[in-house]
């Protein structure tokens, strides 16, 4: 597994504007936001791709999704909705505070 920017952020080698942190997840503002609210939620237990979820401990998977829901609630997004996205080094993007269409853009 290669070292990623997320590994460096978790090790505090790269600064981040932290929104939320617990034993399972770390949430921080995206440095190139695509919406007024754009937060990344990453698991502290590295999952490289979605398929890795099948082998991950249940608390890691549950912690990631529960953590993302908690972050959205903390940011006041729950009432009007938000979108969750994933890419390599499984992490979630929370975008809100603007009209979101599909496909994204």
PDB file of N, CA and C in Angstrom:
ATOM      1  N   UNK A   1       0.839  -1.180   0.000  1.00  0.00           N
ATOM      2  CA  UNK A   1       0.000   0.000   0.000  1.00  0.00           C
ATOM      3  C   UNK A   1       0.886   1.246   0.000  1.00  0.00           C
ATOM      4  N   UNK A   2       0.594   2.162  -0.892  1.00  0.00           N
ATOM      5  CA  UNK A   2       1.397   3.377  -0.952  1.00  0.00           C
ATOM      6  C   UNK A   2       0.885   4.404   0.062  1.00  0.00           C
ATOM      7  N   UNK A   3       1.777   5.295   0.433  1.00  0.00           N
ATOM      8  CA  UNK A   3       1.459   6.380   1.349  1.00  0.00           C
ATOM      9  C   UNK A   3       0.662   7.438   0.583  1.00  0.00           C
ATOM     10  N   UNK A   4      -0.436   7.892   1.144  1.00  0.00           N
ATOM     11  CA  UNK A   4      -1.280   8.884   0.479  1.00  0.00           C
ATOM     12  C   UNK A   4      -1.321  10.172   1.296  1.00  0.00           C
ATOM     13  N   UNK A   5      -1.923  11.193   0.711  1.00  0.00           N
ATOM     14  CA  UNK A   5      -2.108  12.450   1.433  1.00  0.00           C
ATOM     15  C   UNK A   5      -2.937  12.227   2.696  1.00  0.00           C
ATOM     16  N   UNK A   6      -3.878  11.279   2.641  1.00  0.00           N
ATOM     17  CA  UNK A   6      -4.713  11.006   3.810  1.00  0.00           C
ATOM     18  C   UNK A   6      -3.899  10.381   4.940  1.00  0.00           C
ATOM     19  N   UNK A   7      -2.951   9.509   4.595  1.00  0.00           N
ATOM     20  CA  UNK A   7      -2.059   8.949   5.615  1.00  0.00           C
ATOM     21  C   UNK A   7      -1.283  10.075   6.299  1.00  0.00           C
ATOM     22  N   UNK A   8      -0.797  11.015   5.506  1.00  0.00           N
ATOM     23  CA  UNK A   8      -0.011  12.137   6.052  1.00  0.00           C
ATOM     24  C   UNK A   8      -0.872  13.065   6.903  1.00  0.00           C
ATOM     25  N   UNK A   9      -2.108  13.274   6.498  1.00  0.00           N
ATOM     26  CA  UNK A   9      -3.019  14.098   7.304  1.00  0.00           C
ATOM     27  C   UNK A   9      -3.296  13.419   8.645  1.00  0.00           C
ATOM     28  N   UNK A  10      -3.548  12.104   8.615  1.00  0.00           N
ATOM     29  CA  UNK A  10      -3.798  11.380   9.865  1.00  0.00           C
ATOM     30  C   UNK A  10      -2.594  11.437  10.799  1.00  0.00           C
ATOM     31  N   UNK A  11      -1.383  11.416  10.228  1.00  0.00           N
ATOM     32  CA  UNK A  11      -0.167  11.492  11.053  1.00  0.00           C
ATOM     33  C   UNK A  11       0.185  12.926  11.439  1.00  0.00           C
ATOM     34  N   UNK A  12      -0.652  13.876  11.014  1.00  0.00           N
ATOM     35  CA  UNK A  12      -0.472  15.310  11.312  1.00  0.00           C
ATOM     36  C   UNK A  12       0.772  15.890  10.619  1.00  0.00           C
ATOM     37  N   UNK A  13       1.227  15.242   9.542  1.00  0.00           N
ATOM     38  CA  UNK A  13       2.342  15.769   8.750  1.00  0.00           C
ATOM     39  C   UNK A  13       1.862  16.870   7.819  1.00  0.00           C
ATOM     40  N   UNK A  14       0.588  16.846   7.476  1.00  0.00           N
ATOM     41  CA  UNK A  14      -0.047  17.878   6.661  1.00  0.00           C
ATOM     42  C   UNK A  14      -1.191  18.438   7.500  1.00  0.00           C
ATOM     43  N   UNK A  15      -1.246  19.770   7.638  1.00  0.00           N
ATOM     44  CA  UNK A  15      -2.317  20.349   8.456  1.00  0.00           C
ATOM     45  C   UNK A  15      -3.682  20.197   7.787  1.00  0.00           C
ATOM     46  N   UNK A  16      -4.716  20.152   8.612  1.00  0.00           N
ATOM     47  CA  UNK A  16      -6.083  20.049   8.125  1.00  0.00           C
ATOM     48  C   UNK A  16      -6.991  20.844   9.053  1.00  0.00           C
ATOM     49  N   UNK A  17      -8.054  21.404   8.485  1.00  0.00           N
ATOM     50  CA  UNK A  17      -9.074  22.087   9.286  1.00  0.00           C
ATOM     51  C   UNK A  17     -10.078  21.034   9.737  1.00  0.00           C
ATOM     52  N   UNK A  18      -9.891  20.566  10.945  1.00  0.00           N
ATOM     53  CA  UNK A  18     -10.652  19.443  11.486  1.00  0.00           C
ATOM     54  C   UNK A  18     -12.086  19.863  11.823  1.00  0.00           C
ATOM     55  N   UNK A  19     -13.026  19.019  11.425  1.00  0.00           N
ATOM     56  CA  UNK A  19     -14.433  19.207  11.745  1.00  0.00           C
ATOM     57  C   UNK A  19     -14.834  18.266  12.868  1.00  0.00           C
ATOM     58  N   UNK A  20     -14.338  17.024  12.798  1.00  0.00           N
ATOM     59  CA  UNK A  20     -14.748  15.994  13.752  1.00  0.00           C
ATOM     60  C   UNK A  20     -13.701  14.891  13.756  1.00  0.00           C
ATOM     61  N   UNK A  21     -13.504  14.301  14.934  1.00  0.00           N
ATOM     62  CA  UNK A  21     -12.604  13.154  15.048  1.00  0.00           C
ATOM     63  C   UNK A  21     -13.078  12.277  16.191  1.00  0.00           C
ATOM     64  N   UNK A  22     -13.050  10.966  15.955  1.00  0.00           N
ATOM     65  CA  UNK A  22     -13.297  10.015  17.027  1.00  0.00           C
ATOM     66  C   UNK A  22     -12.360   8.828  16.817  1.00  0.00           C
ATOM     67  N   UNK A  23     -12.611   7.732  17.478  1.00  0.00           N
ATOM     68  CA  UNK A  23     -11.712   6.580  17.395  1.00  0.00           C
ATOM     69  C   UNK A  23     -11.656   5.956  16.003  1.00  0.00           C
ATOM     70  N   UNK A  24     -12.719   6.116  15.219  1.00  0.00           N
ATOM     71  CA  UNK A  24     -12.799   5.453  13.919  1.00  0.00           C
ATOM     72  C   UNK A  24     -12.604   6.359  12.715  1.00  0.00           C
ATOM     73  N   UNK A  25     -12.958   7.646  12.827  1.00  0.00           N
ATOM     74  CA  UNK A  25     -12.930   8.535  11.664  1.00  0.00           C
ATOM     75  C   UNK A  25     -12.262   9.871  11.965  1.00  0.00           C
ATOM     76  N   UNK A  26     -11.867  10.524  10.878  1.00  0.00           N
ATOM     77  CA  UNK A  26     -11.274  11.849  10.921  1.00  0.00           C
ATOM     78  C   UNK A  26     -11.940  12.656   9.816  1.00  0.00           C
ATOM     79  N   UNK A  27     -12.544  13.793  10.147  1.00  0.00           N
ATOM     80  CA  UNK A  27     -13.247  14.625   9.169  1.00  0.00           C
ATOM     81  C   UNK A  27     -12.611  16.007   9.115  1.00  0.00           C
ATOM     82  N   UNK A  28     -12.419  16.509   7.888  1.00  0.00           N
ATOM     83  CA  UNK A  28     -11.767  17.803   7.714  1.00  0.00           C
ATOM     84  C   UNK A  28     -12.264  18.471   6.438  1.00  0.00           C
ATOM     85  N   UNK A  29     -12.112  19.796   6.372  1.00  0.00           N
ATOM     86  CA  UNK A  29     -12.534  20.562   5.203  1.00  0.00           C
ATOM     87  C   UNK A  29     -11.636  20.261   4.011  1.00  0.00           C
ATOM     88  N   UNK A  30     -12.244  20.119   2.826  1.00  0.00           N
ATOM     89  CA  UNK A  30     -11.509  19.905   1.579  1.00  0.00           C
ATOM     90  C   UNK A  30     -10.745  21.186   1.238  1.00  0.00           C
ATOM     91  N   UNK A  31      -9.507  21.061   0.749  1.00  0.00           N
ATOM     92  CA  UNK A  31      -8.717  22.253   0.411  1.00  0.00           C
ATOM     93  C   UNK A  31      -9.139  22.868  -0.922  1.00  0.00           C
ATOM     94  N   UNK A  32      -9.932  22.150  -1.689  1.00  0.00           N
ATOM     95  CA  UNK A  32     -10.448  22.651  -2.967  1.00  0.00           C
ATOM     96  C   UNK A  32     -11.957  22.392  -3.007  1.00  0.00           C
ATOM     97  N   UNK A  33     -12.716  23.138  -2.203  1.00  0.00           N
ATOM     98  CA  UNK A  33     -14.138  22.841  -2.054  1.00  0.00           C
ATOM     99  C   UNK A  33     -14.920  22.992  -3.356  1.00  0.00           C
ATOM    100  N   UNK A  34     -15.861  22.061  -3.557  1.00  0.00           N
ATOM    101  CA  UNK A  34     -16.739  22.079  -4.722  1.00  0.00           C
ATOM    102  C   UNK A  34     -18.152  22.521  -4.357  1.00  0.00           C
ATOM    103  N   UNK A  35     -18.333  22.935  -3.109  1.00  0.00           N
ATOM    104  CA  UNK A  35     -19.612  23.439  -2.605  1.00  0.00           C
ATOM    105  C   UNK A  35     -19.292  24.278  -1.373  1.00  0.00           C
ATOM    106  N   UNK A  36     -20.222  25.118  -0.922  1.00  0.00           N
ATOM    107  CA  UNK A  36     -19.964  25.914   0.286  1.00  0.00           C
ATOM    108  C   UNK A  36     -19.544  25.069   1.488  1.00  0.00           C
ATOM    109  N   UNK A  37     -20.089  23.877   1.597  1.00  0.00           N
ATOM    110  CA  UNK A  37     -19.622  22.924   2.599  1.00  0.00           C
ATOM    111  C   UNK A  37     -19.074  21.724   1.844  1.00  0.00           C
ATOM    112  N   UNK A  38     -17.791  21.421   2.048  1.00  0.00           N
ATOM    113  CA  UNK A  38     -17.155  20.261   1.403  1.00  0.00           C
ATOM    114  C   UNK A  38     -16.174  19.681   2.404  1.00  0.00           C
ATOM    115  N   UNK A  39     -16.570  18.588   3.025  1.00  0.00           N
ATOM    116  CA  UNK A  39     -15.799  17.959   4.091  1.00  0.00           C
ATOM    117  C   UNK A  39     -15.484  16.524   3.694  1.00  0.00           C
ATOM    118  N   UNK A  40     -14.259  16.089   3.970  1.00  0.00           N
ATOM    119  CA  UNK A  40     -13.870  14.703   3.742  1.00  0.00           C
ATOM    120  C   UNK A  40     -13.914  13.955   5.059  1.00  0.00           C
ATOM    121  N   UNK A  41     -14.423  12.741   5.021  1.00  0.00           N
ATOM    122  CA  UNK A  41     -14.477  11.871   6.188  1.00  0.00           C
ATOM    123  C   UNK A  41     -13.696  10.621   5.821  1.00  0.00           C
ATOM    124  N   UNK A  42     -12.601  10.351   6.559  1.00  0.00           N
ATOM    125  CA  UNK A  42     -11.764   9.198   6.246  1.00  0.00           C
ATOM    126  C   UNK A  42     -11.721   8.241   7.436  1.00  0.00           C
ATOM    127  N   UNK A  43     -11.652   6.959   7.144  1.00  0.00           N
ATOM    128  CA  UNK A  43     -11.510   6.009   8.248  1.00  0.00           C
ATOM    129  C   UNK A  43     -10.072   6.032   8.760  1.00  0.00           C
ATOM    130  N   UNK A  44      -9.902   5.863  10.039  1.00  0.00           N
ATOM    131  CA  UNK A  44      -8.548   5.785  10.591  1.00  0.00           C
ATOM    132  C   UNK A  44      -7.905   4.442  10.281  1.00  0.00           C
ATOM    133  N   UNK A  45      -8.725   3.428  10.019  1.00  0.00           N
ATOM    134  CA  UNK A  45      -8.258   2.126   9.553  1.00  0.00           C
ATOM    135  C   UNK A  45      -8.326   2.201   8.025  1.00  0.00           C
ATOM    136  N   UNK A  46      -7.190   2.206   7.371  1.00  0.00           N
ATOM    137  CA  UNK A  46      -7.137   2.454   5.932  1.00  0.00           C
ATOM    138  C   UNK A  46      -7.884   1.400   5.126  1.00  0.00           C
ATOM    139  N   UNK A  47      -8.789   1.875   4.296  1.00  0.00           N
ATOM    140  CA  UNK A  47      -9.499   1.063   3.310  1.00  0.00           C
ATOM    141  C   UNK A  47      -9.189   1.684   1.957  1.00  0.00           C
ATOM    142  N   UNK A  48      -8.534   0.963   1.076  1.00  0.00           N
ATOM    143  CA  UNK A  48      -8.093   1.532  -0.197  1.00  0.00           C
ATOM    144  C   UNK A  48      -9.241   1.629  -1.200  1.00  0.00           C
ATOM    145  N   UNK A  49     -10.077   0.606  -1.231  1.00  0.00           N
ATOM    146  CA  UNK A  49     -11.171   0.605  -2.210  1.00  0.00           C
ATOM    147  C   UNK A  49     -12.440   0.056  -1.563  1.00  0.00           C
ATOM    148  N   UNK A  50     -13.539   0.291  -2.242  1.00  0.00           N
ATOM    149  CA  UNK A  50     -14.826  -0.117  -1.690  1.00  0.00           C
ATOM    150  C   UNK A  50     -14.864  -1.607  -1.383  1.00  0.00           C
ATOM    151  N   UNK A  51     -14.223  -2.413  -2.222  1.00  0.00           N
ATOM    152  CA  UNK A  51     -14.216  -3.868  -2.012  1.00  0.00           C
ATOM    153  C   UNK A  51     -13.564  -4.265  -0.687  1.00  0.00           C
ATOM    154  N   UNK A  52     -12.693  -3.408  -0.151  1.00  0.00           N
ATOM    155  CA  UNK A  52     -12.033  -3.701   1.126  1.00  0.00           C
ATOM    156  C   UNK A  52     -13.011  -3.744   2.298  1.00  0.00           C
ATOM    157  N   UNK A  53     -14.183  -3.153   2.114  1.00  0.00           N
ATOM    158  CA  UNK A  53     -15.179  -3.147   3.187  1.00  0.00           C
ATOM    159  C   UNK A  53     -15.542  -4.574   3.598  1.00  0.00           C
ATOM    160  N   UNK A  54     -15.566  -5.490   2.642  1.00  0.00           N
ATOM    161  CA  UNK A  54     -15.963  -6.875   2.932  1.00  0.00           C
ATOM    162  C   UNK A  54     -15.061  -7.529   3.965  1.00  0.00           C
ATOM    163  N   UNK A  55     -13.786  -7.155   4.025  1.00  0.00           N
ATOM    164  CA  UNK A  55     -12.838  -7.753   4.955  1.00  0.00           C
ATOM    165  C   UNK A  55     -12.573  -6.888   6.185  1.00  0.00           C
ATOM    166  N   UNK A  56     -13.106  -5.679   6.197  1.00  0.00           N
ATOM    167  CA  UNK A  56     -12.852  -4.757   7.313  1.00  0.00           C
ATOM    168  C   UNK A  56     -13.662  -5.151   8.537  1.00  0.00           C
ATOM    169  N   UNK A  57     -13.130  -4.870   9.729  1.00  0.00           N
ATOM    170  CA  UNK A  57     -13.921  -5.105  10.937  1.00  0.00           C
ATOM    171  C   UNK A  57     -15.217  -4.285  10.894  1.00  0.00           C
ATOM    172  N   UNK A  58     -16.282  -4.854  11.414  1.00  0.00           N
ATOM    173  CA  UNK A  58     -17.586  -4.189  11.373  1.00  0.00           C
ATOM    174  C   UNK A  58     -17.542  -2.791  11.981  1.00  0.00           C
ATOM    175  N   UNK A  59     -16.798  -2.616  13.079  1.00  0.00           N
ATOM    176  CA  UNK A  59     -16.782  -1.302  13.731  1.00  0.00           C
ATOM    177  C   UNK A  59     -16.136  -0.244  12.840  1.00  0.00           C
ATOM    178  N   UNK A  60     -15.228  -0.637  11.947  1.00  0.00           N
ATOM    179  CA  UNK A  60     -14.590   0.325  11.029  1.00  0.00           C
ATOM    180  C   UNK A  60     -15.612   0.822  10.009  1.00  0.00           C
ATOM    181  N   UNK A  61     -16.353  -0.101   9.426  1.00  0.00           N
ATOM    182  CA  UNK A  61     -17.356   0.259   8.423  1.00  0.00           C
ATOM    183  C   UNK A  61     -18.475   1.075   9.062  1.00  0.00           C
ATOM    184  N   UNK A  62     -18.986   0.586  10.177  1.00  0.00           N
ATOM    185  CA  UNK A  62     -20.052   1.312  10.868  1.00  0.00           C
ATOM    186  C   UNK A  62     -19.564   2.684  11.317  1.00  0.00           C
ATOM    187  N   UNK A  63     -18.340   2.751  11.825  1.00  0.00           N
ATOM    188  CA  UNK A  63     -17.786   4.016  12.290  1.00  0.00           C
ATOM    189  C   UNK A  63     -17.666   5.039  11.178  1.00  0.00           C
ATOM    190  N   UNK A  64     -17.276   4.590   9.988  1.00  0.00           N
ATOM    191  CA  UNK A  64     -17.142   5.504   8.853  1.00  0.00           C
ATOM    192  C   UNK A  64     -18.488   6.110   8.478  1.00  0.00           C
ATOM    193  N   UNK A  65     -19.487   5.269   8.311  1.00  0.00           N
ATOM    194  CA  UNK A  65     -20.792   5.778   7.888  1.00  0.00           C
ATOM    195  C   UNK A  65     -21.513   6.539   8.993  1.00  0.00           C
ATOM    196  N   UNK A  66     -21.402   6.072  10.228  1.00  0.00           N
ATOM    197  CA  UNK A  66     -22.002   6.815  11.336  1.00  0.00           C
ATOM    198  C   UNK A  66     -21.282   8.142  11.540  1.00  0.00           C
ATOM    199  N   UNK A  67     -19.966   8.124  11.374  1.00  0.00           N
ATOM    200  CA  UNK A  67     -19.189   9.358  11.497  1.00  0.00           C
ATOM    201  C   UNK A  67     -19.596  10.377  10.440  1.00  0.00           C
ATOM    202  N   UNK A  68     -19.779   9.928   9.196  1.00  0.00           N
ATOM    203  CA  UNK A  68     -20.200  10.834   8.125  1.00  0.00           C
ATOM    204  C   UNK A  68     -21.570  11.434   8.434  1.00  0.00           C
ATOM    205  N   UNK A  69     -22.496  10.622   8.927  1.00  0.00           N
ATOM    206  CA  UNK A  69     -23.823  11.120   9.279  1.00  0.00           C
ATOM    207  C   UNK A  69     -23.736  12.132  10.416  1.00  0.00           C
ATOM    208  N   UNK A  70     -22.863  11.876  11.389  1.00  0.00           N
ATOM    209  CA  UNK A  70     -22.686  12.808  12.513  1.00  0.00           C
ATOM    210  C   UNK A  70     -22.102  14.135  12.033  1.00  0.00           C
ATOM    211  N   UNK A  71     -21.114  14.076  11.131  1.00  0.00           N
ATOM    212  CA  UNK A  71     -20.512  15.295  10.585  1.00  0.00           C
ATOM    213  C   UNK A  71     -21.573  16.111   9.840  1.00  0.00           C
ATOM    214  N   UNK A  72     -22.370  15.454   9.010  1.00  0.00           N
ATOM    215  CA  UNK A  72     -23.422  16.162   8.277  1.00  0.00           C
ATOM    216  C   UNK A  72     -24.392  16.840   9.251  1.00  0.00           C
ATOM    217  N   UNK A  73     -24.704  16.147  10.334  1.00  0.00           N
ATOM    218  CA  UNK A  73     -25.587  16.733  11.344  1.00  0.00           C
ATOM    219  C   UNK A  73     -24.922  17.933  12.019  1.00  0.00           C
ATOM    220  N   UNK A  74     -23.650  17.792  12.388  1.00  0.00           N
ATOM    221  CA  UNK A  74     -22.922  18.901  13.020  1.00  0.00           C
ATOM    222  C   UNK A  74     -22.859  20.128  12.126  1.00  0.00           C
ATOM    223  N   UNK A  75     -22.792  19.900  10.811  1.00  0.00           N
ATOM    224  CA  UNK A  75     -22.702  20.992   9.852  1.00  0.00           C
ATOM    225  C   UNK A  75     -24.065  21.547   9.445  1.00  0.00           C
ATOM    226  N   UNK A  76     -25.137  21.014  10.012  1.00  0.00           N
ATOM    227  CA  UNK A  76     -26.482  21.498   9.721  1.00  0.00           C
ATOM    228  C   UNK A  76     -26.999  21.094   8.348  1.00  0.00           C
ATOM    229  N   UNK A  77     -26.551  19.957   7.830  1.00  0.00           N
ATOM    230  CA  UNK A  77     -26.948  19.529   6.488  1.00  0.00           C
ATOM    231  C   UNK A  77     -28.083  18.518   6.480  1.00  0.00           C
ATOM    232  N   UNK A  78     -28.388  17.930   7.609  1.00  0.00           N
ATOM    233  CA  UNK A  78     -29.352  16.831   7.648  1.00  0.00           C
ATOM    234  C   UNK A  78     -30.743  17.223   7.158  1.00  0.00           C
ATOM    235  N   UNK A  79     -31.186  18.412   7.480  1.00  0.00           N
ATOM    236  CA  UNK A  79     -32.550  18.823   7.140  1.00  0.00           C
ATOM    237  C   UNK A  79     -32.755  18.991   5.636  1.00  0.00           C
ATOM    238  N   UNK A  80     -31.779  19.552   4.938  1.00  0.00           N
ATOM    239  CA  UNK A  80     -31.952  19.859   3.511  1.00  0.00           C
ATOM    240  C   UNK A  80     -31.246  18.876   2.589  1.00  0.00           C
ATOM    241  N   UNK A  81     -30.505  17.938   3.131  1.00  0.00           N
ATOM    242  CA  UNK A  81     -29.868  16.910   2.319  1.00  0.00           C
ATOM    243  C   UNK A  81     -28.426  17.222   1.953  1.00  0.00           C
ATOM    244  N   UNK A  82     -27.738  16.189   1.543  1.00  0.00           N
ATOM    245  CA  UNK A  82     -26.337  16.285   1.158  1.00  0.00           C
ATOM    246  C   UNK A  82     -25.988  15.065   0.331  1.00  0.00           C
ATOM    247  N   UNK A  83     -24.819  15.086  -0.278  1.00  0.00           N
ATOM    248  CA  UNK A  83     -24.359  13.971  -1.100  1.00  0.00           C
ATOM    249  C   UNK A  83     -23.094  13.401  -0.475  1.00  0.00           C
ATOM    250  N   UNK A  84     -22.922  12.091  -0.572  1.00  0.00           N
ATOM    251  CA  UNK A  84     -21.713  11.411  -0.107  1.00  0.00           C
ATOM    252  C   UNK A  84     -21.052  10.774  -1.326  1.00  0.00           C
ATOM    253  N   UNK A  85     -19.736  11.018  -1.499  1.00  0.00           N
ATOM    254  CA  UNK A  85     -18.986  10.461  -2.628  1.00  0.00           C
ATOM    255  C   UNK A  85     -17.809   9.652  -2.118  1.00  0.00           C
ATOM    256  N   UNK A  86     -17.330   8.684  -2.923  1.00  0.00           N
ATOM    257  CA  UNK A  86     -16.148   7.910  -2.552  1.00  0.00           C
ATOM    258  C   UNK A  86     -15.171   7.813  -3.722  1.00  0.00           C
ATOM    259  N   UNK A  87     -13.858   7.684  -3.425  1.00  0.00           N
ATOM    260  CA  UNK A  87     -12.789   7.443  -4.406  1.00  0.00           C
ATOM    261  C   UNK A  87     -11.703   6.629  -3.714  1.00  0.00           C
ATOM    262  N   UNK A  88     -10.557   6.335  -4.416  1.00  0.00           N
ATOM    263  CA  UNK A  88      -9.478   5.544  -3.812  1.00  0.00           C
ATOM    264  C   UNK A  88      -9.030   6.144  -2.489  1.00  0.00           C
ATOM    265  N   UNK A  89      -8.522   5.296  -1.608  1.00  0.00           N
ATOM    266  CA  UNK A  89      -8.411   5.495  -0.162  1.00  0.00           C
ATOM    267  C   UNK A  89      -9.815   5.855   0.250  1.00  0.00           C
ATOM    268  N   UNK A  90     -10.576   4.836   0.469  1.00  0.00           N
ATOM    269  CA  UNK A  90     -11.987   5.018   0.757  1.00  0.00           C
ATOM    270  C   UNK A  90     -12.160   6.166   1.737  1.00  0.00           C
ATOM    271  N   UNK A  91     -12.851   7.164   1.280  1.00  0.00           N
ATOM    272  CA  UNK A  91     -13.197   8.313   2.112  1.00  0.00           C
ATOM    273  C   UNK A  91     -14.501   8.859   1.580  1.00  0.00           C
ATOM    274  N   UNK A  92     -15.127   9.701   2.314  1.00  0.00           N
ATOM    275  CA  UNK A  92     -16.417  10.242   1.926  1.00  0.00           C
ATOM    276  C   UNK A  92     -16.322  11.756   1.828  1.00  0.00           C
ATOM    277  N   UNK A  93     -16.946  12.319   0.805  1.00  0.00           N
ATOM    278  CA  UNK A  93     -17.074  13.768   0.665  1.00  0.00           C
ATOM    279  C   UNK A  93     -18.490  14.132   1.081  1.00  0.00           C
ATOM    280  N   UNK A  94     -18.623  15.141   1.904  1.00  0.00           N
ATOM    281  CA  UNK A  94     -19.938  15.671   2.242  1.00  0.00           C
ATOM    282  C   UNK A  94     -20.025  17.051   1.615  1.00  0.00           C
ATOM    283  N   UNK A  95     -20.977  17.242   0.717  1.00  0.00           N
ATOM    284  CA  UNK A  95     -21.172  18.522   0.039  1.00  0.00           C
ATOM    285  C   UNK A  95     -22.564  19.044   0.358  1.00  0.00           C
ATOM    286  N   UNK A  96     -22.674  20.334   0.608  1.00  0.00           N
ATOM    287  CA  UNK A  96     -23.978  20.894   0.923  1.00  0.00           C
ATOM    288  C   UNK A  96     -24.005  22.394   0.784  1.00  0.00           C
ATOM    289  N   UNK A  97     -25.132  22.984   1.127  1.00  0.00           N
ATOM    290  CA  UNK A  97     -25.367  24.427   1.106  1.00  0.00           C
ATOM    291  C   UNK A  97     -25.423  24.997  -0.306  1.00  0.00           C
ATOM    292  N   UNK A  98     -25.703  24.139  -1.296  1.00  0.00           N
ATOM    293  CA  UNK A  98     -26.009  24.601  -2.646  1.00  0.00           C
ATOM    294  C   UNK A  98     -26.878  23.535  -3.296  1.00  0.00           C
ATOM    295  N   UNK A  99     -27.594  23.913  -4.351  1.00  0.00           N
ATOM    296  CA  UNK A  99     -28.414  22.935  -5.068  1.00  0.00           C
ATOM    297  C   UNK A  99     -27.504  21.929  -5.743  1.00  0.00           C
ATOM    298  N   UNK A 100     -27.727  20.654  -5.483  1.00  0.00           N
ATOM    299  CA  UNK A 100     -26.904  19.593  -6.032  1.00  0.00           C
ATOM    300  C   UNK A 100     -27.684  18.844  -7.093  1.00  0.00           C
ATOM    301  N   UNK A 101     -27.074  18.670  -8.258  1.00  0.00           N
ATOM    302  CA  UNK A 101     -27.741  17.968  -9.346  1.00  0.00           C
ATOM    303  C   UNK A 101     -27.007  16.693  -9.672  1.00  0.00           C
ATOM    304  N   UNK A 102     -27.605  15.889 -10.529  1.00  0.00           N
ATOM    305  CA  UNK A 102     -26.943  14.657 -10.979  1.00  0.00           C
ATOM    306  C   UNK A 102     -26.973  14.636 -12.482  1.00  0.00           C
ATOM    307  N   UNK A 103     -25.875  14.387 -13.153  1.00  0.00           N
ATOM    308  CA  UNK A 103     -24.579  14.072 -12.556  1.00  0.00           C
ATOM    309  C   UNK A 103     -23.975  15.290 -11.861  1.00  0.00           C
ATOM    310  N   UNK A 104     -22.968  15.037 -10.977  1.00  0.00           N
ATOM    311  CA  UNK A 104     -22.354  16.121 -10.219  1.00  0.00           C
ATOM    312  C   UNK A 104     -21.779  17.199 -11.135  1.00  0.00           C
ATOM    313  N   UNK A 105     -21.728  18.375 -10.621  1.00  0.00           N
ATOM    314  CA  UNK A 105     -21.115  19.470 -11.380  1.00  0.00           C
ATOM    315  C   UNK A 105     -21.776  20.775 -11.093  1.00  0.00           C
TER     316      UNK A 105
END
